[in-house]
Amino acid sequence: MGVKYSDTIERMRWAGKLKNDSAVARVLGVTPQALSNYKKRGELPTDLVIRFSNLYGLSVDWLLSGEGDVHKPGYQPPEGELGIPSLQEELAGYGRLPARGFEISDMSPDEMIYVGKLLQIFRLSDKSASEAIKCSIDAFYRSTMAQQCANTEIHASHDDEGQI
């Protein structure tokens, strides 16, 4: 059974204590017409579901299926009413790893989407595709790290030249 996105939007309304679909659209950062079109087509971009999940501390599984825990593990509701954080607050943690180590919840929506796509490739029965992806990632990683080291050395040598 597939995901019924009209139900997902209804769960968003309920969990966010939002009056109508227009309010859901505002929270998601789309127009009410765009949200209406998503409902009609039976689709909803993954990044919008993840954004709403992050804003309200909700489980993506619950948003999509209505099953399981409503909130993410360890979620502590703020005192008083739930507020909608500003875009700056929402994006504040993206692009850096926390001191405690890597957590999936620290990933941006784009990162989650591409990690999910990679996992789908890795889980295919044809292992040649996953081996090709692994080789490409390893080569890109080595190239990127080598470039970063070279840039660091260039900056260090320029700093040394200026201090005579």
N, C-alpha and C. Protein backbone atom coordinates (compact mmCIF):
# COMPACT_ATOMS: atom_id res chain seq x y z
N MET A 1 0.84 -1.18 0.00
CA MET A 1 0.00 0.00 0.00
C MET A 1 0.88 1.24 0.00
N GLY A 2 0.59 2.19 -0.88
CA GLY A 2 1.37 3.41 -0.99
C GLY A 2 0.96 4.45 0.04
N VAL A 3 1.69 5.54 0.02
CA VAL A 3 1.42 6.64 0.93
C VAL A 3 0.27 7.47 0.38
N LYS A 4 -0.69 7.79 1.22
CA LYS A 4 -1.79 8.68 0.84
C LYS A 4 -1.44 10.06 1.38
N TYR A 5 -0.95 10.92 0.47
CA TYR A 5 -0.42 12.21 0.90
C TYR A 5 -1.49 13.16 1.42
N SER A 6 -2.74 12.98 1.02
CA SER A 6 -3.79 13.82 1.60
C SER A 6 -3.91 13.53 3.10
N ASP A 7 -3.71 12.26 3.48
CA ASP A 7 -3.71 11.91 4.91
C ASP A 7 -2.48 12.50 5.62
N THR A 8 -1.34 12.50 4.92
CA THR A 8 -0.13 13.09 5.49
C THR A 8 -0.35 14.57 5.79
N ILE A 9 -0.98 15.27 4.86
CA ILE A 9 -1.26 16.70 5.04
C ILE A 9 -2.23 16.90 6.20
N GLU A 10 -3.21 16.01 6.32
CA GLU A 10 -4.15 16.09 7.46
C GLU A 10 -3.42 15.88 8.79
N ARG A 11 -2.47 14.93 8.81
CA ARG A 11 -1.69 14.72 10.04
C ARG A 11 -0.85 15.95 10.36
N MET A 12 -0.33 16.61 9.31
CA MET A 12 0.42 17.85 9.52
C MET A 12 -0.48 18.90 10.16
N ARG A 13 -1.70 19.04 9.64
CA ARG A 13 -2.65 20.02 10.20
C ARG A 13 -2.92 19.73 11.67
N TRP A 14 -3.18 18.47 11.96
CA TRP A 14 -3.51 18.08 13.33
C TRP A 14 -2.32 18.32 14.26
N ALA A 15 -1.15 17.81 13.88
CA ALA A 15 0.02 17.90 14.74
C ALA A 15 0.50 19.34 14.93
N GLY A 16 0.36 20.14 13.89
CA GLY A 16 0.80 21.54 13.97
C GLY A 16 -0.26 22.46 14.52
N LYS A 17 -1.45 21.88 14.83
CA LYS A 17 -2.59 22.67 15.32
C LYS A 17 -2.88 23.82 14.36
N LEU A 18 -2.89 23.47 13.07
CA LEU A 18 -3.09 24.46 12.02
C LEU A 18 -4.54 24.42 11.56
N LYS A 19 -5.09 25.61 11.24
CA LYS A 19 -6.50 25.73 10.91
C LYS A 19 -6.91 25.05 9.61
N ASN A 20 -6.06 25.18 8.60
CA ASN A 20 -6.45 24.70 7.27
C ASN A 20 -5.20 24.40 6.43
N ASP A 21 -5.45 23.95 5.20
CA ASP A 21 -4.33 23.61 4.31
C ASP A 21 -3.48 24.84 3.96
N SER A 22 -4.09 26.01 3.93
CA SER A 22 -3.30 27.23 3.65
C SER A 22 -2.26 27.46 4.74
N ALA A 23 -2.62 27.17 5.97
CA ALA A 23 -1.67 27.32 7.07
C ALA A 23 -0.55 26.28 6.95
N VAL A 24 -0.90 25.06 6.53
CA VAL A 24 0.11 24.02 6.31
C VAL A 24 1.06 24.49 5.21
N ALA A 25 0.50 25.04 4.13
CA ALA A 25 1.32 25.53 3.02
C ALA A 25 2.30 26.60 3.49
N ARG A 26 1.83 27.53 4.32
CA ARG A 26 2.72 28.59 4.84
C ARG A 26 3.87 28.00 5.63
N VAL A 27 3.58 27.01 6.47
CA VAL A 27 4.63 26.37 7.27
C VAL A 27 5.64 25.68 6.35
N LEU A 28 5.14 25.05 5.29
CA LEU A 28 6.02 24.33 4.37
C LEU A 28 6.76 25.26 3.41
N GLY A 29 6.31 26.51 3.35
CA GLY A 29 6.97 27.47 2.46
C GLY A 29 6.56 27.32 1.01
N VAL A 30 5.34 26.84 0.79
CA VAL A 30 4.80 26.73 -0.57
C VAL A 30 3.47 27.48 -0.61
N THR A 31 2.97 27.72 -1.82
CA THR A 31 1.68 28.38 -1.95
C THR A 31 0.56 27.39 -1.66
N PRO A 32 -0.60 27.89 -1.23
CA PRO A 32 -1.74 26.98 -1.04
C PRO A 32 -2.09 26.23 -2.33
N GLN A 33 -1.93 26.91 -3.48
CA GLN A 33 -2.21 26.25 -4.76
C GLN A 33 -1.25 25.07 -5.00
N ALA A 34 0.02 25.27 -4.67
CA ALA A 34 1.00 24.19 -4.84
C ALA A 34 0.63 23.00 -3.95
N LEU A 35 0.25 23.27 -2.70
CA LEU A 35 -0.14 22.18 -1.79
C LEU A 35 -1.38 21.47 -2.33
N SER A 36 -2.33 22.23 -2.83
CA SER A 36 -3.53 21.64 -3.42
C SER A 36 -3.17 20.75 -4.61
N ASN A 37 -2.23 21.21 -5.43
CA ASN A 37 -1.79 20.39 -6.57
C ASN A 37 -1.11 19.10 -6.11
N TYR A 38 -0.30 19.19 -5.05
CA TYR A 38 0.33 17.98 -4.52
C TYR A 38 -0.73 16.98 -4.08
N LYS A 39 -1.76 17.48 -3.40
CA LYS A 39 -2.83 16.61 -2.94
C LYS A 39 -3.54 15.93 -4.12
N LYS A 40 -3.85 16.72 -5.14
CA LYS A 40 -4.56 16.18 -6.31
C LYS A 40 -3.73 15.13 -7.04
N ARG A 41 -2.42 15.36 -7.13
CA ARG A 41 -1.55 14.42 -7.84
C ARG A 41 -1.14 13.25 -6.97
N GLY A 42 -1.42 13.33 -5.68
CA GLY A 42 -1.05 12.23 -4.79
C GLY A 42 0.44 12.15 -4.55
N GLU A 43 1.09 13.31 -4.48
CA GLU A 43 2.53 13.35 -4.23
C GLU A 43 2.86 14.54 -3.33
N LEU A 44 3.99 14.43 -2.66
CA LEU A 44 4.47 15.50 -1.79
C LEU A 44 5.99 15.37 -1.74
N PRO A 45 6.72 16.44 -2.10
CA PRO A 45 8.18 16.34 -2.09
C PRO A 45 8.71 15.92 -0.71
N THR A 46 9.69 15.04 -0.74
CA THR A 46 10.27 14.50 0.48
C THR A 46 10.79 15.60 1.39
N ASP A 47 11.42 16.64 0.80
CA ASP A 47 12.00 17.69 1.63
C ASP A 47 10.93 18.43 2.43
N LEU A 48 9.70 18.52 1.91
CA LEU A 48 8.64 19.19 2.65
C LEU A 48 8.21 18.36 3.86
N VAL A 49 8.13 17.05 3.67
CA VAL A 49 7.76 16.17 4.79
C VAL A 49 8.85 16.24 5.87
N ILE A 50 10.11 16.21 5.45
CA ILE A 50 11.22 16.27 6.40
C ILE A 50 11.25 17.62 7.11
N ARG A 51 11.02 18.70 6.37
CA ARG A 51 11.00 20.04 6.98
C ARG A 51 9.94 20.11 8.07
N PHE A 52 8.73 19.64 7.76
CA PHE A 52 7.65 19.68 8.75
C PHE A 52 8.01 18.82 9.96
N SER A 53 8.58 17.64 9.69
CA SER A 53 9.00 16.75 10.76
C SER A 53 10.00 17.45 11.69
N ASN A 54 10.97 18.13 11.10
CA ASN A 54 11.99 18.83 11.90
C ASN A 54 11.40 20.00 12.67
N LEU A 55 10.48 20.73 12.05
CA LEU A 55 9.89 21.89 12.71
C LEU A 55 9.11 21.52 13.96
N TYR A 56 8.39 20.40 13.90
CA TYR A 56 7.51 20.02 14.99
C TYR A 56 8.00 18.80 15.79
N GLY A 57 9.18 18.28 15.47
CA GLY A 57 9.71 17.14 16.21
C GLY A 57 8.93 15.86 15.96
N LEU A 58 8.35 15.73 14.77
CA LEU A 58 7.50 14.58 14.46
C LEU A 58 8.28 13.48 13.75
N SER A 59 7.82 12.27 13.93
CA SER A 59 8.39 11.12 13.23
C SER A 59 7.94 11.16 11.77
N VAL A 60 8.88 11.02 10.85
CA VAL A 60 8.54 10.97 9.43
C VAL A 60 7.66 9.75 9.16
N ASP A 61 7.97 8.63 9.81
CA ASP A 61 7.15 7.42 9.63
C ASP A 61 5.70 7.68 10.00
N TRP A 62 5.49 8.38 11.12
CA TRP A 62 4.12 8.67 11.54
C TRP A 62 3.45 9.62 10.56
N LEU A 63 4.17 10.65 10.12
CA LEU A 63 3.58 11.59 9.15
C LEU A 63 3.12 10.86 7.89
N LEU A 64 3.93 9.93 7.41
CA LEU A 64 3.61 9.24 6.16
C LEU A 64 2.57 8.13 6.32
N SER A 65 2.62 7.42 7.44
CA SER A 65 1.75 6.24 7.57
C SER A 65 0.67 6.38 8.65
N GLY A 66 0.88 7.27 9.60
CA GLY A 66 -0.06 7.37 10.71
C GLY A 66 0.18 6.30 11.77
N GLU A 67 1.25 5.52 11.60
CA GLU A 67 1.55 4.44 12.54
C GLU A 67 2.82 4.75 13.31
N GLY A 68 2.92 4.16 14.50
CA GLY A 68 4.12 4.35 15.32
C GLY A 68 4.02 5.60 16.19
N ASP A 69 5.15 5.97 16.77
CA ASP A 69 5.19 7.13 17.65
C ASP A 69 5.01 8.40 16.84
N VAL A 70 4.27 9.35 17.39
CA VAL A 70 4.03 10.63 16.72
C VAL A 70 5.31 11.43 16.66
N HIS A 71 6.04 11.47 17.76
CA HIS A 71 7.25 12.31 17.84
C HIS A 71 8.51 11.48 17.67
N LYS A 72 9.57 12.19 17.30
CA LYS A 72 10.88 11.56 17.17
C LYS A 72 11.34 11.09 18.54
N PRO A 73 12.20 10.05 18.60
CA PRO A 73 12.72 9.59 19.89
C PRO A 73 13.44 10.73 20.61
N GLY A 74 13.19 10.86 21.89
CA GLY A 74 13.85 11.88 22.70
C GLY A 74 13.24 13.26 22.57
N TYR A 75 12.15 13.40 21.83
CA TYR A 75 11.52 14.71 21.64
C TYR A 75 10.98 15.24 22.96
N GLN A 76 11.30 16.47 23.26
CA GLN A 76 10.79 17.14 24.45
C GLN A 76 10.00 18.37 23.99
N PRO A 77 8.67 18.35 24.14
CA PRO A 77 7.91 19.51 23.69
C PRO A 77 8.27 20.75 24.49
N PRO A 78 8.34 21.90 23.83
CA PRO A 78 8.62 23.13 24.55
C PRO A 78 7.45 23.48 25.45
N GLU A 79 7.72 24.25 26.47
CA GLU A 79 6.64 24.68 27.35
C GLU A 79 5.75 25.64 26.58
N GLY A 80 4.45 25.55 26.82
CA GLY A 80 3.52 26.40 26.10
C GLY A 80 3.22 25.84 24.73
N GLU A 81 2.78 26.71 23.84
CA GLU A 81 2.42 26.28 22.49
C GLU A 81 3.64 26.04 21.63
N LEU A 82 3.48 25.14 20.65
CA LEU A 82 4.54 24.92 19.66
C LEU A 82 4.64 26.16 18.79
N GLY A 83 5.86 26.67 18.63
CA GLY A 83 6.07 27.80 17.74
C GLY A 83 6.76 27.31 16.49
N ILE A 84 6.66 28.06 15.44
CA ILE A 84 7.34 27.70 14.20
C ILE A 84 8.65 28.47 14.17
N PRO A 85 9.79 27.75 14.15
CA PRO A 85 11.06 28.46 14.13
C PRO A 85 11.25 29.20 12.82
N SER A 86 12.08 30.22 12.88
CA SER A 86 12.40 30.95 11.66
C SER A 86 13.24 30.06 10.76
N LEU A 87 13.36 30.45 9.51
CA LEU A 87 14.16 29.67 8.58
C LEU A 87 15.60 29.58 9.06
N GLN A 88 16.12 30.68 9.62
CA GLN A 88 17.50 30.66 10.13
C GLN A 88 17.65 29.63 11.24
N GLU A 89 16.67 29.57 12.15
CA GLU A 89 16.73 28.59 13.23
C GLU A 89 16.65 27.17 12.68
N GLU A 90 15.78 26.98 11.67
CA GLU A 90 15.61 25.65 11.09
C GLU A 90 16.90 25.18 10.42
N LEU A 91 17.60 26.09 9.76
CA LEU A 91 18.79 25.72 9.00
C LEU A 91 20.07 25.81 9.82
N ALA A 92 19.99 26.26 11.05
CA ALA A 92 21.20 26.52 11.85
C ALA A 92 22.11 25.31 11.98
N GLY A 93 21.54 24.11 12.11
CA GLY A 93 22.38 22.94 12.32
C GLY A 93 22.87 22.28 11.05
N TYR A 94 22.39 22.72 9.89
CA TYR A 94 22.79 22.05 8.65
C TYR A 94 24.21 22.42 8.27
N GLY A 95 24.90 21.46 7.67
CA GLY A 95 26.23 21.72 7.13
C GLY A 95 27.36 21.49 8.11
N ARG A 96 27.08 21.00 9.30
CA ARG A 96 28.17 20.71 10.23
C ARG A 96 27.79 19.50 11.07
N LEU A 97 28.79 18.78 11.51
CA LEU A 97 28.53 17.62 12.35
C LEU A 97 28.64 18.03 13.81
N PRO A 98 27.76 17.55 14.66
CA PRO A 98 27.82 17.88 16.07
C PRO A 98 29.02 17.22 16.74
N ALA A 99 29.41 17.76 17.88
CA ALA A 99 30.57 17.24 18.60
C ALA A 99 30.35 15.80 19.05
N ARG A 100 29.11 15.40 19.26
CA ARG A 100 28.82 14.05 19.77
C ARG A 100 28.96 12.98 18.70
N GLY A 101 29.16 13.36 17.43
CA GLY A 101 29.27 12.39 16.34
C GLY A 101 28.16 12.59 15.34
N PHE A 102 28.11 11.71 14.37
CA PHE A 102 27.15 11.84 13.29
C PHE A 102 25.78 11.32 13.70
N GLU A 103 24.75 12.10 13.45
CA GLU A 103 23.37 11.72 13.71
C GLU A 103 22.56 11.96 12.45
N ILE A 104 21.67 11.06 12.09
CA ILE A 104 20.83 11.24 10.92
C ILE A 104 19.99 12.50 11.07
N SER A 105 19.54 12.80 12.27
CA SER A 105 18.70 13.98 12.48
C SER A 105 19.44 15.28 12.19
N ASP A 106 20.78 15.23 12.09
CA ASP A 106 21.57 16.43 11.79
C ASP A 106 21.73 16.65 10.29
N MET A 107 21.18 15.74 9.49
CA MET A 107 21.32 15.87 8.04
C MET A 107 20.29 16.83 7.47
N SER A 108 20.69 17.55 6.41
CA SER A 108 19.74 18.42 5.72
C SER A 108 18.79 17.55 4.90
N PRO A 109 17.65 18.09 4.49
CA PRO A 109 16.74 17.32 3.65
C PRO A 109 17.42 16.81 2.37
N ASP A 110 18.23 17.65 1.72
CA ASP A 110 18.93 17.20 0.51
C ASP A 110 19.87 16.04 0.82
N GLU A 111 20.60 16.13 1.93
CA GLU A 111 21.51 15.05 2.30
C GLU A 111 20.74 13.75 2.52
N MET A 112 19.59 13.84 3.21
CA MET A 112 18.78 12.65 3.46
C MET A 112 18.28 12.03 2.16
N ILE A 113 17.88 12.88 1.23
CA ILE A 113 17.36 12.38 -0.05
C ILE A 113 18.46 11.61 -0.78
N TYR A 114 19.66 12.19 -0.86
CA TYR A 114 20.73 11.53 -1.61
C TYR A 114 21.28 10.30 -0.89
N VAL A 115 21.32 10.32 0.42
CA VAL A 115 21.72 9.11 1.14
C VAL A 115 20.69 8.01 0.88
N GLY A 116 19.42 8.37 0.88
CA GLY A 116 18.37 7.39 0.58
C GLY A 116 18.51 6.81 -0.82
N LYS A 117 18.82 7.68 -1.78
CA LYS A 117 19.02 7.20 -3.15
C LYS A 117 20.22 6.26 -3.23
N LEU A 118 21.29 6.62 -2.53
CA LEU A 118 22.47 5.74 -2.51
C LEU A 118 22.12 4.38 -1.89
N LEU A 119 21.37 4.40 -0.80
CA LEU A 119 20.99 3.13 -0.16
C LEU A 119 20.16 2.27 -1.11
N GLN A 120 19.28 2.89 -1.88
CA GLN A 120 18.50 2.12 -2.85
C GLN A 120 19.41 1.44 -3.87
N ILE A 121 20.43 2.18 -4.34
CA ILE A 121 21.37 1.60 -5.29
C ILE A 121 22.15 0.46 -4.64
N PHE A 122 22.63 0.69 -3.41
CA PHE A 122 23.42 -0.34 -2.72
C PHE A 122 22.61 -1.60 -2.46
N ARG A 123 21.30 -1.48 -2.33
CA ARG A 123 20.45 -2.63 -2.01
C ARG A 123 19.91 -3.36 -3.24
N LEU A 124 20.28 -2.88 -4.43
CA LEU A 124 19.86 -3.57 -5.65
C LEU A 124 20.52 -4.94 -5.71
N SER A 125 19.85 -5.87 -6.38
CA SER A 125 20.44 -7.21 -6.51
C SER A 125 21.67 -7.19 -7.42
N ASP A 126 21.72 -6.25 -8.36
CA ASP A 126 22.89 -6.11 -9.24
C ASP A 126 23.97 -5.34 -8.49
N LYS A 127 24.94 -6.08 -7.98
CA LYS A 127 25.99 -5.48 -7.14
C LYS A 127 26.99 -4.66 -7.95
N SER A 128 26.99 -4.78 -9.27
CA SER A 128 27.95 -4.01 -10.08
C SER A 128 27.65 -2.52 -9.98
N ALA A 129 26.37 -2.14 -9.89
CA ALA A 129 26.02 -0.73 -9.75
C ALA A 129 26.53 -0.17 -8.42
N SER A 130 26.36 -0.91 -7.34
CA SER A 130 26.82 -0.42 -6.04
C SER A 130 28.35 -0.36 -5.99
N GLU A 131 29.02 -1.31 -6.65
CA GLU A 131 30.49 -1.26 -6.69
C GLU A 131 30.98 -0.05 -7.48
N ALA A 132 30.29 0.27 -8.57
CA ALA A 132 30.66 1.45 -9.37
C ALA A 132 30.47 2.73 -8.56
N ILE A 133 29.37 2.82 -7.82
CA ILE A 133 29.12 4.00 -6.98
C ILE A 133 30.19 4.10 -5.90
N LYS A 134 30.53 2.99 -5.25
CA LYS A 134 31.55 3.01 -4.21
C LYS A 134 32.89 3.51 -4.75
N CYS A 135 33.28 3.00 -5.93
CA CYS A 135 34.55 3.44 -6.54
C CYS A 135 34.51 4.92 -6.86
N SER A 136 33.38 5.39 -7.38
CA SER A 136 33.25 6.82 -7.72
C SER A 136 33.33 7.69 -6.47
N ILE A 137 32.63 7.27 -5.42
CA ILE A 137 32.65 8.05 -4.17
C ILE A 137 34.06 8.06 -3.58
N ASP A 138 34.73 6.91 -3.56
CA ASP A 138 36.09 6.86 -3.03
C ASP A 138 37.03 7.77 -3.82
N ALA A 139 36.93 7.74 -5.15
CA ALA A 139 37.80 8.58 -5.98
C ALA A 139 37.50 10.06 -5.74
N PHE A 140 36.22 10.40 -5.68
CA PHE A 140 35.84 11.80 -5.45
C PHE A 140 36.31 12.26 -4.07
N TYR A 141 36.16 11.39 -3.08
CA TYR A 141 36.58 11.71 -1.72
C TYR A 141 38.09 11.97 -1.66
N ARG A 142 38.87 11.08 -2.27
CA ARG A 142 40.33 11.25 -2.28
C ARG A 142 40.71 12.55 -2.98
N SER A 143 40.07 12.83 -4.11
CA SER A 143 40.36 14.04 -4.87
C SER A 143 40.01 15.29 -4.06
N THR A 144 38.86 15.27 -3.43
CA THR A 144 38.41 16.42 -2.63
C THR A 144 39.32 16.64 -1.43
N MET A 145 39.69 15.57 -0.74
CA MET A 145 40.56 15.70 0.43
C MET A 145 41.95 16.19 0.02
N ALA A 146 42.46 15.68 -1.11
CA ALA A 146 43.77 16.13 -1.60
C ALA A 146 43.73 17.62 -1.94
N GLN A 147 42.66 18.07 -2.58
CA GLN A 147 42.51 19.48 -2.93
C GLN A 147 42.42 20.34 -1.67
N GLN A 148 41.69 19.85 -0.68
CA GLN A 148 41.55 20.59 0.57
C GLN A 148 42.90 20.71 1.27
N CYS A 149 43.69 19.64 1.29
CA CYS A 149 45.02 19.68 1.89
C CYS A 149 45.92 20.66 1.14
N ALA A 150 45.85 20.64 -0.21
CA ALA A 150 46.66 21.55 -1.02
C ALA A 150 46.28 22.99 -0.73
N ASN A 151 44.99 23.28 -0.61
CA ASN A 151 44.54 24.64 -0.31
C ASN A 151 45.02 25.08 1.07
N THR A 152 45.01 24.17 2.02
CA THR A 152 45.48 24.48 3.38
C THR A 152 46.97 24.80 3.36
N GLU A 153 47.74 24.01 2.60
CA GLU A 153 49.18 24.25 2.50
C GLU A 153 49.49 25.57 1.82
N ILE A 154 48.73 25.92 0.77
CA ILE A 154 48.93 27.20 0.08
C ILE A 154 48.67 28.36 1.03
N HIS A 155 47.57 28.28 1.80
CA HIS A 155 47.26 29.35 2.75
C HIS A 155 48.34 29.46 3.82
N ALA A 156 48.84 28.31 4.27
CA ALA A 156 49.88 28.32 5.31
C ALA A 156 51.16 28.93 4.77
N SER A 157 51.54 28.61 3.51
CA SER A 157 52.78 29.17 2.96
C SER A 157 52.65 30.68 2.74
N HIS A 158 51.46 31.14 2.36
CA HIS A 158 51.26 32.58 2.21
C HIS A 158 51.34 33.30 3.56
N ASP A 159 50.82 32.64 4.59
CA ASP A 159 50.91 33.23 5.92
C ASP A 159 52.36 33.32 6.38
N ASP A 160 53.16 32.28 6.08
CA ASP A 160 54.58 32.26 6.46
C ASP A 160 55.35 33.34 5.72
N GLU A 161 55.05 33.57 4.43
CA GLU A 161 55.75 34.58 3.63
C GLU A 161 55.51 35.97 4.18
N GLY A 162 54.33 36.20 4.71
CA GLY A 162 54.02 37.54 5.24
C GLY A 162 54.65 37.82 6.58
N GLN A 163 55.15 36.79 7.25
CA GLN A 163 55.71 36.98 8.59
C GLN A 163 57.23 36.78 8.53
N ILE A 164 57.95 37.84 8.24
CA ILE A 164 59.42 37.75 8.16
C ILE A 164 60.01 38.50 9.32
